Amino acid sequence: PYGSPQRVQAQALGNFDQIAAAAPRLARVRAWTAAEWL
């Protein structure tokens, strides 16, 4: 599973779950991350 597209996405987007409450303006960066994963 290392490096699979799903694992890469889970780790990249999981970062935003950790900091969402402290930094709501990161929504654009999160959306960019999701689009880049696609």
ModelCIF file with pLDDT and N, C-alpha, C, O atoms, coordinates in Angstrom:
data_MODEL
#
_entry.id   MODEL 
#
_entity.id                         1 
_entity.type                       polymer 
_entity.pdbx_number_of_molecules   1 
#
_entity_poly.entity_id                      1 
_entity_poly.type                           'polypeptide(L)' 
_entity_poly.nstd_linkage                   no 
_entity_poly.nstd_monomer                   no 
_entity_poly.pdbx_seq_one_letter_code       PYGSPQRVQAQALGNFDQIAAAAPRLARVRAWTAAEWL 
_entity_poly.pdbx_seq_one_letter_code_can   PYGSPQRVQAQALGNFDQIAAAAPRLARVRAWTAAEWL 
_entity_poly.pdbx_strand_id                 A 
#
loop_
_entity_poly_seq.entity_id 
_entity_poly_seq.num 
_entity_poly_seq.mon_id 
_entity_poly_seq.hetero 
1 1  PRO n 
1 2  TYR n 
1 3  GLY n 
1 4  SER n 
1 5  PRO n 
1 6  GLN n 
1 7  ARG n 
1 8  VAL n 
1 9  GLN n 
1 10 ALA n 
1 11 GLN n 
1 12 ALA n 
1 13 LEU n 
1 14 GLY n 
1 15 ASN n 
1 16 PHE n 
1 17 ASP n 
1 18 GLN n 
1 19 ILE n 
1 20 ALA n 
1 21 ALA n 
1 22 ALA n 
1 23 ALA n 
1 24 PRO n 
1 25 ARG n 
1 26 LEU n 
1 27 ALA n 
1 28 ARG n 
1 29 VAL n 
1 30 ARG n 
1 31 ALA n 
1 32 TRP n 
1 33 THR n 
1 34 ALA n 
1 35 ALA n 
1 36 GLU n 
1 37 TRP n 
1 38 LEU n 
#
_struct_asym.id          A 
_struct_asym.entity_id   1 
#
loop_
_ma_qa_metric.id 
_ma_qa_metric.mode 
_ma_qa_metric.name 
_ma_qa_metric.software_group_id 
_ma_qa_metric.type 
1 global pLDDT . pLDDT 
2 local  pLDDT . pLDDT 
#
_ma_qa_metric_global.metric_id      1 
_ma_qa_metric_global.metric_value   79.29 
_ma_qa_metric_global.model_id       1 
_ma_qa_metric_global.ordinal_id     1 
#
loop_
_ma_qa_metric_local.label_asym_id 
_ma_qa_metric_local.label_comp_id 
_ma_qa_metric_local.label_seq_id 
_ma_qa_metric_local.metric_id 
_ma_qa_metric_local.metric_value 
_ma_qa_metric_local.model_id 
_ma_qa_metric_local.ordinal_id 
A PRO 1  2 82.00 1 1  
A TYR 2  2 79.00 1 2  
A GLY 3  2 78.00 1 3  
A SER 4  2 83.00 1 4  
A PRO 5  2 86.00 1 5  
A GLN 6  2 87.00 1 6  
A ARG 7  2 84.00 1 7  
A VAL 8  2 85.00 1 8  
A GLN 9  2 88.00 1 9  
A ALA 10 2 84.00 1 10 
A GLN 11 2 80.00 1 11 
A ALA 12 2 82.00 1 12 
A LEU 13 2 83.00 1 13 
A GLY 14 2 79.00 1 14 
A ASN 15 2 75.00 1 15 
A PHE 16 2 76.00 1 16 
A ASP 17 2 74.00 1 17 
A GLN 18 2 69.00 1 18 
A ILE 19 2 71.00 1 19 
A ALA 20 2 68.00 1 20 
A ALA 21 2 59.00 1 21 
A ALA 22 2 58.00 1 22 
A ALA 23 2 66.00 1 23 
A PRO 24 2 65.00 1 24 
A ARG 25 2 67.00 1 25 
A LEU 26 2 72.00 1 26 
A ALA 27 2 77.00 1 27 
A ARG 28 2 79.00 1 28 
A VAL 29 2 81.00 1 29 
A ARG 30 2 81.00 1 30 
A ALA 31 2 85.00 1 31 
A TRP 32 2 88.00 1 32 
A THR 33 2 89.00 1 33 
A ALA 34 2 90.00 1 34 
A ALA 35 2 91.00 1 35 
A GLU 36 2 92.00 1 36 
A TRP 37 2 90.00 1 37 
A LEU 38 2 90.00 1 38 
#
loop_
_atom_site.group_PDB 
_atom_site.id 
_atom_site.type_symbol 
_atom_site.label_atom_id 
_atom_site.label_alt_id 
_atom_site.label_comp_id 
_atom_site.label_asym_id 
_atom_site.label_entity_id 
_atom_site.label_seq_id 
_atom_site.pdbx_PDB_ins_code 
_atom_site.Cartn_x 
_atom_site.Cartn_y 
_atom_site.Cartn_z 
_atom_site.occupancy 
_atom_site.B_iso_or_equiv 
_atom_site.pdbx_formal_charge 
_atom_site.auth_seq_id 
_atom_site.auth_comp_id 
_atom_site.auth_asym_id 
_atom_site.auth_atom_id 
_atom_site.pdbx_PDB_model_num 
ATOM 1   N N  . PRO A 1 1  ? 0.810  -1.223 0.000   1.00 82.00 ? 1  PRO A N  1 
ATOM 2   C CA . PRO A 1 1  ? 0.000  0.000  0.000   1.00 82.00 ? 1  PRO A CA 1 
ATOM 3   C C  . PRO A 1 1  ? 0.848  1.279  0.000   1.00 82.00 ? 1  PRO A C  1 
ATOM 4   O O  . PRO A 1 1  ? 0.318  2.363  -0.245  1.00 82.00 ? 1  PRO A O  1 
ATOM 5   N N  . TYR A 1 2  ? 2.162  1.168  0.272   1.00 79.00 ? 2  TYR A N  1 
ATOM 6   C CA . TYR A 1 2  ? 3.003  2.361  0.326   1.00 79.00 ? 2  TYR A CA 1 
ATOM 7   C C  . TYR A 1 2  ? 3.047  3.037  -1.029  1.00 79.00 ? 2  TYR A C  1 
ATOM 8   O O  . TYR A 1 2  ? 3.356  2.405  -2.038  1.00 79.00 ? 2  TYR A O  1 
ATOM 9   N N  . GLY A 1 3  ? 2.742  4.302  -1.049  1.00 78.00 ? 3  GLY A N  1 
ATOM 10  C CA . GLY A 1 3  ? 2.792  5.063  -2.289  1.00 78.00 ? 3  GLY A CA 1 
ATOM 11  C C  . GLY A 1 3  ? 1.582  4.890  -3.178  1.00 78.00 ? 3  GLY A C  1 
ATOM 12  O O  . GLY A 1 3  ? 1.546  5.454  -4.272  1.00 78.00 ? 3  GLY A O  1 
ATOM 13  N N  . SER A 1 4  ? 0.578  4.121  -2.742  1.00 83.00 ? 4  SER A N  1 
ATOM 14  C CA . SER A 1 4  ? -0.614 3.973  -3.570  1.00 83.00 ? 4  SER A CA 1 
ATOM 15  C C  . SER A 1 4  ? -1.308 5.335  -3.654  1.00 83.00 ? 4  SER A C  1 
ATOM 16  O O  . SER A 1 4  ? -1.159 6.160  -2.752  1.00 83.00 ? 4  SER A O  1 
ATOM 17  N N  . PRO A 1 5  ? -2.052 5.574  -4.712  1.00 86.00 ? 5  PRO A N  1 
ATOM 18  C CA . PRO A 1 5  ? -2.744 6.864  -4.820  1.00 86.00 ? 5  PRO A CA 1 
ATOM 19  C C  . PRO A 1 5  ? -3.636 7.147  -3.606  1.00 86.00 ? 5  PRO A C  1 
ATOM 20  O O  . PRO A 1 5  ? -3.697 8.283  -3.134  1.00 86.00 ? 5  PRO A O  1 
ATOM 21  N N  . GLN A 1 6  ? -4.324 6.124  -3.103  1.00 87.00 ? 6  GLN A N  1 
ATOM 22  C CA . GLN A 1 6  ? -5.215 6.342  -1.968  1.00 87.00 ? 6  GLN A CA 1 
ATOM 23  C C  . GLN A 1 6  ? -4.430 6.713  -0.707  1.00 87.00 ? 6  GLN A C  1 
ATOM 24  O O  . GLN A 1 6  ? -4.863 7.573  0.060   1.00 87.00 ? 6  GLN A O  1 
ATOM 25  N N  . ARG A 1 7  ? -3.290 6.076  -0.493  1.00 84.00 ? 7  ARG A N  1 
ATOM 26  C CA . ARG A 1 7  ? -2.493 6.388  0.699   1.00 84.00 ? 7  ARG A CA 1 
ATOM 27  C C  . ARG A 1 7  ? -1.890 7.793  0.604   1.00 84.00 ? 7  ARG A C  1 
ATOM 28  O O  . ARG A 1 7  ? -1.855 8.531  1.588   1.00 84.00 ? 7  ARG A O  1 
ATOM 29  N N  . VAL A 1 8  ? -1.424 8.146  -0.576  1.00 85.00 ? 8  VAL A N  1 
ATOM 30  C CA . VAL A 1 8  ? -0.880 9.495  -0.771  1.00 85.00 ? 8  VAL A CA 1 
ATOM 31  C C  . VAL A 1 8  ? -1.966 10.527 -0.485  1.00 85.00 ? 8  VAL A C  1 
ATOM 32  O O  . VAL A 1 8  ? -1.723 11.520 0.200   1.00 85.00 ? 8  VAL A O  1 
ATOM 33  N N  . GLN A 1 9  ? -3.170 10.286 -1.017  1.00 88.00 ? 9  GLN A N  1 
ATOM 34  C CA . GLN A 1 9  ? -4.266 11.221 -0.783  1.00 88.00 ? 9  GLN A CA 1 
ATOM 35  C C  . GLN A 1 9  ? -4.621 11.293 0.701   1.00 88.00 ? 9  GLN A C  1 
ATOM 36  O O  . GLN A 1 9  ? -4.820 12.385 1.234   1.00 88.00 ? 9  GLN A O  1 
ATOM 37  N N  . ALA A 1 10 ? -4.700 10.159 1.367   1.00 84.00 ? 10 ALA A N  1 
ATOM 38  C CA . ALA A 1 10 ? -5.079 10.141 2.788   1.00 84.00 ? 10 ALA A CA 1 
ATOM 39  C C  . ALA A 1 10 ? -4.073 10.926 3.620   1.00 84.00 ? 10 ALA A C  1 
ATOM 40  O O  . ALA A 1 10 ? -4.460 11.677 4.516   1.00 84.00 ? 10 ALA A O  1 
ATOM 41  N N  . GLN A 1 11 ? -2.798 10.761 3.334   1.00 80.00 ? 11 GLN A N  1 
ATOM 42  C CA . GLN A 1 11 ? -1.790 11.487 4.101   1.00 80.00 ? 11 GLN A CA 1 
ATOM 43  C C  . GLN A 1 11 ? -1.815 12.978 3.777   1.00 80.00 ? 11 GLN A C  1 
ATOM 44  O O  . GLN A 1 11 ? -1.721 13.810 4.680   1.00 80.00 ? 11 GLN A O  1 
ATOM 45  N N  . ALA A 1 12 ? -1.938 13.313 2.520   1.00 82.00 ? 12 ALA A N  1 
ATOM 46  C CA . ALA A 1 12 ? -1.946 14.728 2.142   1.00 82.00 ? 12 ALA A CA 1 
ATOM 47  C C  . ALA A 1 12 ? -3.161 15.449 2.728   1.00 82.00 ? 12 ALA A C  1 
ATOM 48  O O  . ALA A 1 12 ? -3.031 16.543 3.279   1.00 82.00 ? 12 ALA A O  1 
ATOM 49  N N  . LEU A 1 13 ? -4.331 14.841 2.610   1.00 83.00 ? 13 LEU A N  1 
ATOM 50  C CA . LEU A 1 13 ? -5.540 15.493 3.113   1.00 83.00 ? 13 LEU A CA 1 
ATOM 51  C C  . LEU A 1 13 ? -5.652 15.400 4.633   1.00 83.00 ? 13 LEU A C  1 
ATOM 52  O O  . LEU A 1 13 ? -6.262 16.268 5.258   1.00 83.00 ? 13 LEU A O  1 
ATOM 53  N N  . GLY A 1 14 ? -5.075 14.367 5.234   1.00 79.00 ? 14 GLY A N  1 
ATOM 54  C CA . GLY A 1 14 ? -5.089 14.222 6.680   1.00 79.00 ? 14 GLY A CA 1 
ATOM 55  C C  . GLY A 1 14 ? -4.400 15.376 7.386   1.00 79.00 ? 14 GLY A C  1 
ATOM 56  O O  . GLY A 1 14 ? -4.767 15.733 8.505   1.00 79.00 ? 14 GLY A O  1 
ATOM 57  N N  . ASN A 1 15 ? -3.410 15.955 6.740   1.00 75.00 ? 15 ASN A N  1 
ATOM 58  C CA . ASN A 1 15 ? -2.734 17.116 7.324   1.00 75.00 ? 15 ASN A CA 1 
ATOM 59  C C  . ASN A 1 15 ? -3.724 18.246 7.584   1.00 75.00 ? 15 ASN A C  1 
ATOM 60  O O  . ASN A 1 15 ? -3.628 18.943 8.594   1.00 75.00 ? 15 ASN A O  1 
ATOM 61  N N  . PHE A 1 16 ? -4.664 18.423 6.681   1.00 76.00 ? 16 PHE A N  1 
ATOM 62  C CA . PHE A 1 16 ? -5.629 19.511 6.820   1.00 76.00 ? 16 PHE A CA 1 
ATOM 63  C C  . PHE A 1 16 ? -6.611 19.255 7.944   1.00 76.00 ? 16 PHE A C  1 
ATOM 64  O O  . PHE A 1 16 ? -7.078 20.195 8.587   1.00 76.00 ? 16 PHE A O  1 
ATOM 65  N N  . ASP A 1 17 ? -6.932 17.983 8.192   1.00 74.00 ? 17 ASP A N  1 
ATOM 66  C CA . ASP A 1 17 ? -7.824 17.668 9.307   1.00 74.00 ? 17 ASP A CA 1 
ATOM 67  C C  . ASP A 1 17 ? -7.195 18.091 10.627  1.00 74.00 ? 17 ASP A C  1 
ATOM 68  O O  . ASP A 1 17 ? -7.897 18.523 11.541  1.00 74.00 ? 17 ASP A O  1 
ATOM 69  N N  . GLN A 1 18 ? -5.874 17.969 10.729  1.00 69.00 ? 18 GLN A N  1 
ATOM 70  C CA . GLN A 1 18 ? -5.168 18.317 11.958  1.00 69.00 ? 18 GLN A CA 1 
ATOM 71  C C  . GLN A 1 18 ? -5.134 19.830 12.200  1.00 69.00 ? 18 GLN A C  1 
ATOM 72  O O  . GLN A 1 18 ? -5.151 20.280 13.346  1.00 69.00 ? 18 GLN A O  1 
ATOM 73  N N  . ILE A 1 19 ? -5.088 20.598 11.132  1.00 71.00 ? 19 ILE A N  1 
ATOM 74  C CA . ILE A 1 19 ? -4.918 22.046 11.305  1.00 71.00 ? 19 ILE A CA 1 
ATOM 75  C C  . ILE A 1 19 ? -6.147 22.869 10.920  1.00 71.00 ? 19 ILE A C  1 
ATOM 76  O O  . ILE A 1 19 ? -6.116 24.098 10.979  1.00 71.00 ? 19 ILE A O  1 
ATOM 77  N N  . ALA A 1 20 ? -7.219 22.198 10.528  1.00 68.00 ? 20 ALA A N  1 
ATOM 78  C CA . ALA A 1 20 ? -8.397 22.917 10.030  1.00 68.00 ? 20 ALA A CA 1 
ATOM 79  C C  . ALA A 1 20 ? -8.947 23.920 11.034  1.00 68.00 ? 20 ALA A C  1 
ATOM 80  O O  . ALA A 1 20 ? -9.302 25.040 10.667  1.00 68.00 ? 20 ALA A O  1 
ATOM 81  N N  . ALA A 1 21 ? -9.017 23.528 12.279  1.00 59.00 ? 21 ALA A N  1 
ATOM 82  C CA . ALA A 1 21 ? -9.597 24.433 13.278  1.00 59.00 ? 21 ALA A CA 1 
ATOM 83  C C  . ALA A 1 21 ? -8.733 25.670 13.480  1.00 59.00 ? 21 ALA A C  1 
ATOM 84  O O  . ALA A 1 21 ? -9.248 26.755 13.753  1.00 59.00 ? 21 ALA A O  1 
ATOM 85  N N  . ALA A 1 22 ? -7.435 25.509 13.345  1.00 58.00 ? 22 ALA A N  1 
ATOM 86  C CA . ALA A 1 22 ? -6.528 26.639 13.595  1.00 58.00 ? 22 ALA A CA 1 
ATOM 87  C C  . ALA A 1 22 ? -6.328 27.510 12.363  1.00 58.00 ? 22 ALA A C  1 
ATOM 88  O O  . ALA A 1 22 ? -5.923 28.666 12.490  1.00 58.00 ? 22 ALA A O  1 
ATOM 89  N N  . ALA A 1 23 ? -6.596 26.993 11.203  1.00 66.00 ? 23 ALA A N  1 
ATOM 90  C CA . ALA A 1 23 ? -6.294 27.759 9.993   1.00 66.00 ? 23 ALA A CA 1 
ATOM 91  C C  . ALA A 1 23 ? -7.359 27.539 8.918   1.00 66.00 ? 23 ALA A C  1 
ATOM 92  O O  . ALA A 1 23 ? -7.096 26.848 7.934   1.00 66.00 ? 23 ALA A O  1 
ATOM 93  N N  . PRO A 1 24 ? -8.565 28.113 9.085   1.00 65.00 ? 24 PRO A N  1 
ATOM 94  C CA . PRO A 1 24 ? -9.628 27.889 8.107   1.00 65.00 ? 24 PRO A CA 1 
ATOM 95  C C  . PRO A 1 24 ? -9.304 28.401 6.702   1.00 65.00 ? 24 PRO A C  1 
ATOM 96  O O  . PRO A 1 24 ? -9.887 27.923 5.728   1.00 65.00 ? 24 PRO A O  1 
ATOM 97  N N  . ARG A 1 25 ? -8.402 29.345 6.583   1.00 67.00 ? 25 ARG A N  1 
ATOM 98  C CA . ARG A 1 25 ? -8.105 29.881 5.238   1.00 67.00 ? 25 ARG A CA 1 
ATOM 99  C C  . ARG A 1 25 ? -7.305 28.908 4.382   1.00 67.00 ? 25 ARG A C  1 
ATOM 100 O O  . ARG A 1 25 ? -7.009 29.195 3.222   1.00 67.00 ? 25 ARG A O  1 
ATOM 101 N N  . LEU A 1 26 ? -6.960 27.769 4.946   1.00 72.00 ? 26 LEU A N  1 
ATOM 102 C CA . LEU A 1 26 ? -6.245 26.774 4.147   1.00 72.00 ? 26 LEU A CA 1 
ATOM 103 C C  . LEU A 1 26 ? -7.179 25.965 3.248   1.00 72.00 ? 26 LEU A C  1 
ATOM 104 O O  . LEU A 1 26 ? -6.737 25.038 2.570   1.00 72.00 ? 26 LEU A O  1 
ATOM 105 N N  . ALA A 1 27 ? -8.444 26.304 3.238   1.00 77.00 ? 27 ALA A N  1 
ATOM 106 C CA . ALA A 1 27 ? -9.400 25.569 2.410   1.00 77.00 ? 27 ALA A CA 1 
ATOM 107 C C  . ALA A 1 27 ? -8.984 25.572 0.935   1.00 77.00 ? 27 ALA A C  1 
ATOM 108 O O  . ALA A 1 27 ? -9.149 24.569 0.240   1.00 77.00 ? 27 ALA A O  1 
ATOM 109 N N  . ARG A 1 28 ? -8.444 26.702 0.457   1.00 79.00 ? 28 ARG A N  1 
ATOM 110 C CA . ARG A 1 28 ? -7.998 26.762 -0.947  1.00 79.00 ? 28 ARG A CA 1 
ATOM 111 C C  . ARG A 1 28 ? -6.840 25.816 -1.200  1.00 79.00 ? 28 ARG A C  1 
ATOM 112 O O  . ARG A 1 28 ? -6.779 25.172 -2.247  1.00 79.00 ? 28 ARG A O  1 
ATOM 113 N N  . VAL A 1 29 ? -5.914 25.727 -0.241  1.00 81.00 ? 29 VAL A N  1 
ATOM 114 C CA . VAL A 1 29 ? -4.770 24.824 -0.399  1.00 81.00 ? 29 VAL A CA 1 
ATOM 115 C C  . VAL A 1 29 ? -5.243 23.377 -0.345  1.00 81.00 ? 29 VAL A C  1 
ATOM 116 O O  . VAL A 1 29 ? -4.739 22.527 -1.079  1.00 81.00 ? 29 VAL A O  1 
ATOM 117 N N  . ARG A 1 30 ? -6.217 23.095 0.531   1.00 81.00 ? 30 ARG A N  1 
ATOM 118 C CA . ARG A 1 30 ? -6.765 21.742 0.609   1.00 81.00 ? 30 ARG A CA 1 
ATOM 119 C C  . ARG A 1 30 ? -7.435 21.370 -0.713  1.00 81.00 ? 30 ARG A C  1 
ATOM 120 O O  . ARG A 1 30 ? -7.253 20.258 -1.210  1.00 81.00 ? 30 ARG A O  1 
ATOM 121 N N  . ALA A 1 31 ? -8.203 22.290 -1.279  1.00 85.00 ? 31 ALA A N  1 
ATOM 122 C CA . ALA A 1 31 ? -8.868 22.035 -2.562  1.00 85.00 ? 31 ALA A CA 1 
ATOM 123 C C  . ALA A 1 31 ? -7.841 21.805 -3.663  1.00 85.00 ? 31 ALA A C  1 
ATOM 124 O O  . ALA A 1 31 ? -8.021 20.935 -4.515  1.00 85.00 ? 31 ALA A O  1 
ATOM 125 N N  . TRP A 1 32 ? -6.767 22.585 -3.642  1.00 88.00 ? 32 TRP A N  1 
ATOM 126 C CA . TRP A 1 32 ? -5.689 22.397 -4.626  1.00 88.00 ? 32 TRP A CA 1 
ATOM 127 C C  . TRP A 1 32 ? -5.056 21.021 -4.459  1.00 88.00 ? 32 TRP A C  1 
ATOM 128 O O  . TRP A 1 32 ? -4.774 20.343 -5.448  1.00 88.00 ? 32 TRP A O  1 
ATOM 129 N N  . THR A 1 33 ? -4.829 20.602 -3.206  1.00 89.00 ? 33 THR A N  1 
ATOM 130 C CA . THR A 1 33 ? -4.230 19.292 -2.946  1.00 89.00 ? 33 THR A CA 1 
ATOM 131 C C  . THR A 1 33 ? -5.119 18.182 -3.490  1.00 89.00 ? 33 THR A C  1 
ATOM 132 O O  . THR A 1 33 ? -4.623 17.243 -4.113  1.00 89.00 ? 33 THR A O  1 
ATOM 133 N N  . ALA A 1 34 ? -6.428 18.279 -3.261  1.00 90.00 ? 34 ALA A N  1 
ATOM 134 C CA . ALA A 1 34 ? -7.357 17.272 -3.766  1.00 90.00 ? 34 ALA A CA 1 
ATOM 135 C C  . ALA A 1 34 ? -7.359 17.249 -5.293  1.00 90.00 ? 34 ALA A C  1 
ATOM 136 O O  . ALA A 1 34 ? -7.384 16.177 -5.899  1.00 90.00 ? 34 ALA A O  1 
ATOM 137 N N  . ALA A 1 35 ? -7.331 18.432 -5.919  1.00 91.00 ? 35 ALA A N  1 
ATOM 138 C CA . ALA A 1 35 ? -7.323 18.506 -7.385  1.00 91.00 ? 35 ALA A CA 1 
ATOM 139 C C  . ALA A 1 35 ? -6.035 17.933 -7.959  1.00 91.00 ? 35 ALA A C  1 
ATOM 140 O O  . ALA A 1 35 ? -6.061 17.228 -8.968  1.00 91.00 ? 35 ALA A O  1 
ATOM 141 N N  . GLU A 1 36 ? -4.913 18.231 -7.322  1.00 92.00 ? 36 GLU A N  1 
ATOM 142 C CA . GLU A 1 36 ? -3.626 17.696 -7.783  1.00 92.00 ? 36 GLU A CA 1 
ATOM 143 C C  . GLU A 1 36 ? -3.583 16.177 -7.647  1.00 92.00 ? 36 GLU A C  1 
ATOM 144 O O  . GLU A 1 36 ? -3.015 15.482 -8.490  1.00 92.00 ? 36 GLU A O  1 
ATOM 145 N N  . TRP A 1 37 ? -4.193 15.669 -6.569  1.00 90.00 ? 37 TRP A N  1 
ATOM 146 C CA . TRP A 1 37 ? -4.240 14.217 -6.427  1.00 90.00 ? 37 TRP A CA 1 
ATOM 147 C C  . TRP A 1 37 ? -5.012 13.602 -7.593  1.00 90.00 ? 37 TRP A C  1 
ATOM 148 O O  . TRP A 1 37 ? -4.578 12.603 -8.168  1.00 90.00 ? 37 TRP A O  1 
ATOM 149 N N  . LEU A 1 38 ? -6.148 14.193 -7.940  1.00 90.00 ? 38 LEU A N  1 
ATOM 150 C CA . LEU A 1 38 ? -6.920 13.675 -9.077  1.00 90.00 ? 38 LEU A CA 1 
ATOM 151 C C  . LEU A 1 38 ? -6.073 13.691 -10.353 1.00 90.00 ? 38 LEU A C  1 
ATOM 152 O O  . LEU A 1 38 ? -6.550 13.292 -11.416 1.00 90.00 ? 38 LEU A O  1 
#
